[in-house]
Amino acid sequence: MASETTFIDTTGQRIHFWRVDKDVYPNSTSVSFDVMLIQALLVAYFMNPSAVPAQLRAKASAIITRSGKRFDDGIYGPNTRAVMSLFEEDMRAPFRDGIVRKGPYDFLHGPETKLKRLNFMWDMTMLSHTLGTTKKESGRRAFQPALFRSIYPVG
């Protein structure tokens, strides 16, 4: 199940990081909060007009909106794989296998991972006075209610 972890950087600042409990990969057959989190992070990633090339953003937007329902449904199907491929292309991922690995990570010092990049872009795109100044506040406004409750069971 998706969760939030807090790290303290060298200046004493708290850094909130969303993580998955299991690897997220193509052909997952059941609905998963881990998949739903990755899908929500992918939507935010491709919303950032200054960080993602317009051509990739347009392709991702077309895929995200083409089904007529929410993209973050928790099922890793062909649409999720297609958007993940665009993300891997943009970040120049060394492994373009569609898998977001659960870890282990050293968020502050370790190498760039797909989940680390998605978290960073969420912070750059979604943390604002409109959606909320914390991950929890912005997640409450952007996530599916079931995903938010799974990460923050006490509100």
Protein backbone atom coordinates (compact mmCIF):
# COMPACT_ATOMS: atom_id res chain seq x y z
CA MET A 1 0.00 0.00 0.00
CA ALA A 2 1.23 3.49 -0.80
CA SER A 3 2.58 5.50 2.13
CA GLU A 4 4.40 8.67 3.10
CA THR A 5 7.87 8.77 4.63
CA THR A 6 9.52 11.80 6.15
CA PHE A 7 13.25 12.49 5.86
CA ILE A 8 15.22 15.22 7.59
CA ASP A 9 17.84 16.88 5.38
CA THR A 10 21.15 18.33 6.54
CA THR A 11 19.51 21.68 7.33
CA GLY A 12 16.88 20.05 9.55
CA GLN A 13 14.09 20.55 7.02
CA ARG A 14 11.47 17.79 6.76
CA ILE A 15 11.08 16.28 3.30
CA HIS A 16 7.95 14.23 2.65
CA PHE A 17 8.25 11.39 0.16
CA TRP A 18 5.50 9.13 -1.15
CA ARG A 19 6.55 5.54 -1.63
CA VAL A 20 5.11 2.26 -2.81
CA ASP A 21 5.19 -1.02 -0.89
CA LYS A 22 5.46 -3.20 -3.99
CA ASP A 23 7.01 -2.68 -7.38
CA VAL A 24 4.54 -1.14 -9.82
CA TYR A 25 4.70 -2.82 -13.21
CA PRO A 26 2.71 -3.56 -16.38
CA ASN A 27 0.06 -6.25 -16.36
CA SER A 28 -0.83 -5.91 -12.70
CA THR A 29 -4.27 -7.50 -12.70
CA SER A 30 -5.86 -6.04 -9.60
CA VAL A 31 -6.57 -2.51 -8.43
CA SER A 32 -3.71 -1.25 -6.30
CA PHE A 33 -3.13 1.90 -4.26
CA ASP A 34 0.55 1.69 -5.29
CA VAL A 35 -0.49 1.87 -8.96
CA MET A 36 -3.00 4.63 -8.21
CA LEU A 37 -0.26 6.71 -6.55
CA ILE A 38 2.10 6.30 -9.52
CA GLN A 39 -0.71 7.24 -11.91
CA ALA A 40 -1.50 10.40 -9.90
CA LEU A 41 2.19 11.31 -9.84
CA LEU A 42 2.43 10.79 -13.61
CA VAL A 43 -0.52 13.15 -14.18
CA ALA A 44 1.20 15.83 -12.08
CA TYR A 45 4.50 15.21 -13.86
CA PHE A 46 3.01 15.94 -17.27
CA MET A 47 1.12 19.01 -15.98
CA ASN A 48 4.34 20.95 -15.50
CA PRO A 49 4.71 23.15 -18.60
CA SER A 50 8.24 24.30 -17.86
CA ALA A 51 9.82 20.93 -17.09
CA VAL A 52 8.44 18.61 -19.76
CA PRO A 53 8.81 19.18 -23.52
CA ALA A 54 5.52 20.24 -25.13
CA GLN A 55 5.46 17.29 -27.52
CA LEU A 56 5.70 14.73 -24.69
CA ARG A 57 3.20 16.68 -22.60
CA ALA A 58 0.71 16.68 -25.49
CA LYS A 59 1.11 12.93 -26.07
CA ALA A 60 0.68 12.19 -22.36
CA SER A 61 -2.37 14.45 -22.09
CA ALA A 62 -4.02 12.71 -25.04
CA ILE A 63 -3.49 9.30 -23.41
CA ILE A 64 -4.56 10.45 -19.94
CA THR A 65 -7.83 11.93 -21.21
CA ARG A 66 -8.77 9.51 -23.99
CA SER A 67 -10.72 6.99 -21.90
CA GLY A 68 -13.17 9.58 -20.58
CA LYS A 69 -12.64 8.45 -16.98
CA ARG A 70 -10.02 9.11 -14.35
CA PHE A 71 -6.56 7.95 -15.36
CA ASP A 72 -5.63 7.15 -11.76
CA ASP A 73 -7.86 4.08 -11.47
CA GLY A 74 -5.26 1.80 -9.85
CA ILE A 75 -4.99 -0.58 -12.82
CA TYR A 76 -1.70 -0.73 -14.72
CA GLY A 77 -3.07 -1.23 -18.21
CA PRO A 78 -2.01 -0.05 -21.68
CA ASN A 79 -2.70 3.65 -20.99
CA THR A 80 -0.56 3.65 -17.86
CA ARG A 81 2.22 1.82 -19.72
CA ALA A 82 2.07 4.34 -22.56
CA VAL A 83 2.35 7.33 -20.20
CA MET A 84 5.10 5.56 -18.23
CA SER A 85 7.04 5.11 -21.49
CA LEU A 86 6.83 8.86 -22.15
CA PHE A 87 8.00 9.54 -18.59
CA GLU A 88 10.93 7.13 -18.99
CA GLU A 89 11.85 8.82 -22.26
CA ASP A 90 11.76 12.27 -20.65
CA MET A 91 13.86 11.30 -17.64
CA ARG A 92 16.22 9.26 -19.84
CA ALA A 93 15.70 6.28 -17.58
CA PRO A 94 18.45 3.66 -17.86
CA PHE A 95 15.78 0.94 -17.59
CA ARG A 96 12.73 1.59 -19.75
CA ASP A 97 10.79 -1.39 -18.53
CA GLY A 98 7.72 0.36 -17.14
CA ILE A 99 8.58 -0.69 -13.59
CA VAL A 100 8.65 1.71 -10.65
CA ARG A 101 10.66 -0.06 -8.00
CA LYS A 102 9.80 0.22 -4.33
CA GLY A 103 13.33 0.76 -3.16
CA PRO A 104 15.41 0.74 -1.11
CA TYR A 105 16.31 4.38 -1.59
CA ASP A 106 18.38 6.95 0.09
CA PHE A 107 16.07 9.79 -0.92
CA LEU A 108 18.51 12.50 0.06
CA HIS A 109 21.74 11.08 -1.33
CA GLY A 110 20.95 8.06 -3.49
CA PRO A 111 20.73 7.91 -7.27
CA GLU A 112 17.79 9.28 -9.22
CA THR A 113 14.95 6.77 -9.40
CA LYS A 114 11.61 6.96 -11.15
CA LEU A 115 9.77 7.40 -7.85
CA LYS A 116 12.21 10.03 -6.66
CA ARG A 117 11.76 12.03 -9.89
CA LEU A 118 7.95 11.76 -9.67
CA ASN A 119 7.97 12.98 -6.05
CA PHE A 120 10.23 15.91 -6.93
CA MET A 121 8.02 16.95 -9.83
CA TRP A 122 4.91 16.74 -7.61
CA ASP A 123 6.60 19.13 -5.20
CA MET A 124 7.48 21.50 -8.05
CA THR A 125 4.05 21.34 -9.71
CA MET A 126 1.41 20.67 -7.08
CA LEU A 127 2.58 22.36 -3.88
CA SER A 128 1.02 25.81 -3.99
CA HIS A 129 -1.41 28.05 -2.20
CA THR A 130 -4.14 26.70 -4.50
CA LEU A 131 -3.79 22.96 -3.85
CA GLY A 132 -1.97 23.10 -0.53
CA THR A 133 1.48 23.83 0.76
CA THR A 134 2.14 20.28 1.97
CA LYS A 135 2.03 16.92 0.24
CA LYS A 136 -0.86 15.92 2.48
CA GLU A 137 -2.93 19.01 1.61
CA SER A 138 -2.23 18.76 -2.12
CA GLY A 139 -2.88 15.01 -2.08
CA ARG A 140 -6.24 15.55 -0.39
CA ARG A 141 -7.30 17.76 -3.31
CA ALA A 142 -5.77 15.77 -6.17
CA PHE A 143 -5.93 12.08 -5.21
CA GLN A 144 -8.82 9.69 -5.44
CA PRO A 145 -10.45 9.72 -1.95
CA ALA A 146 -9.64 6.02 -1.39
CA LEU A 147 -5.94 6.61 -2.16
CA PHE A 148 -5.78 9.59 0.18
CA ARG A 149 -7.39 7.56 3.00
CA SER A 150 -4.95 4.72 2.44
CA ILE A 151 -1.95 7.05 2.83
CA TYR A 152 -3.47 9.21 5.58
CA PRO A 153 -5.92 6.98 7.50
CA VAL A 154 -6.59 9.58 10.18
CA GLY A 155 -7.39 12.46 7.88
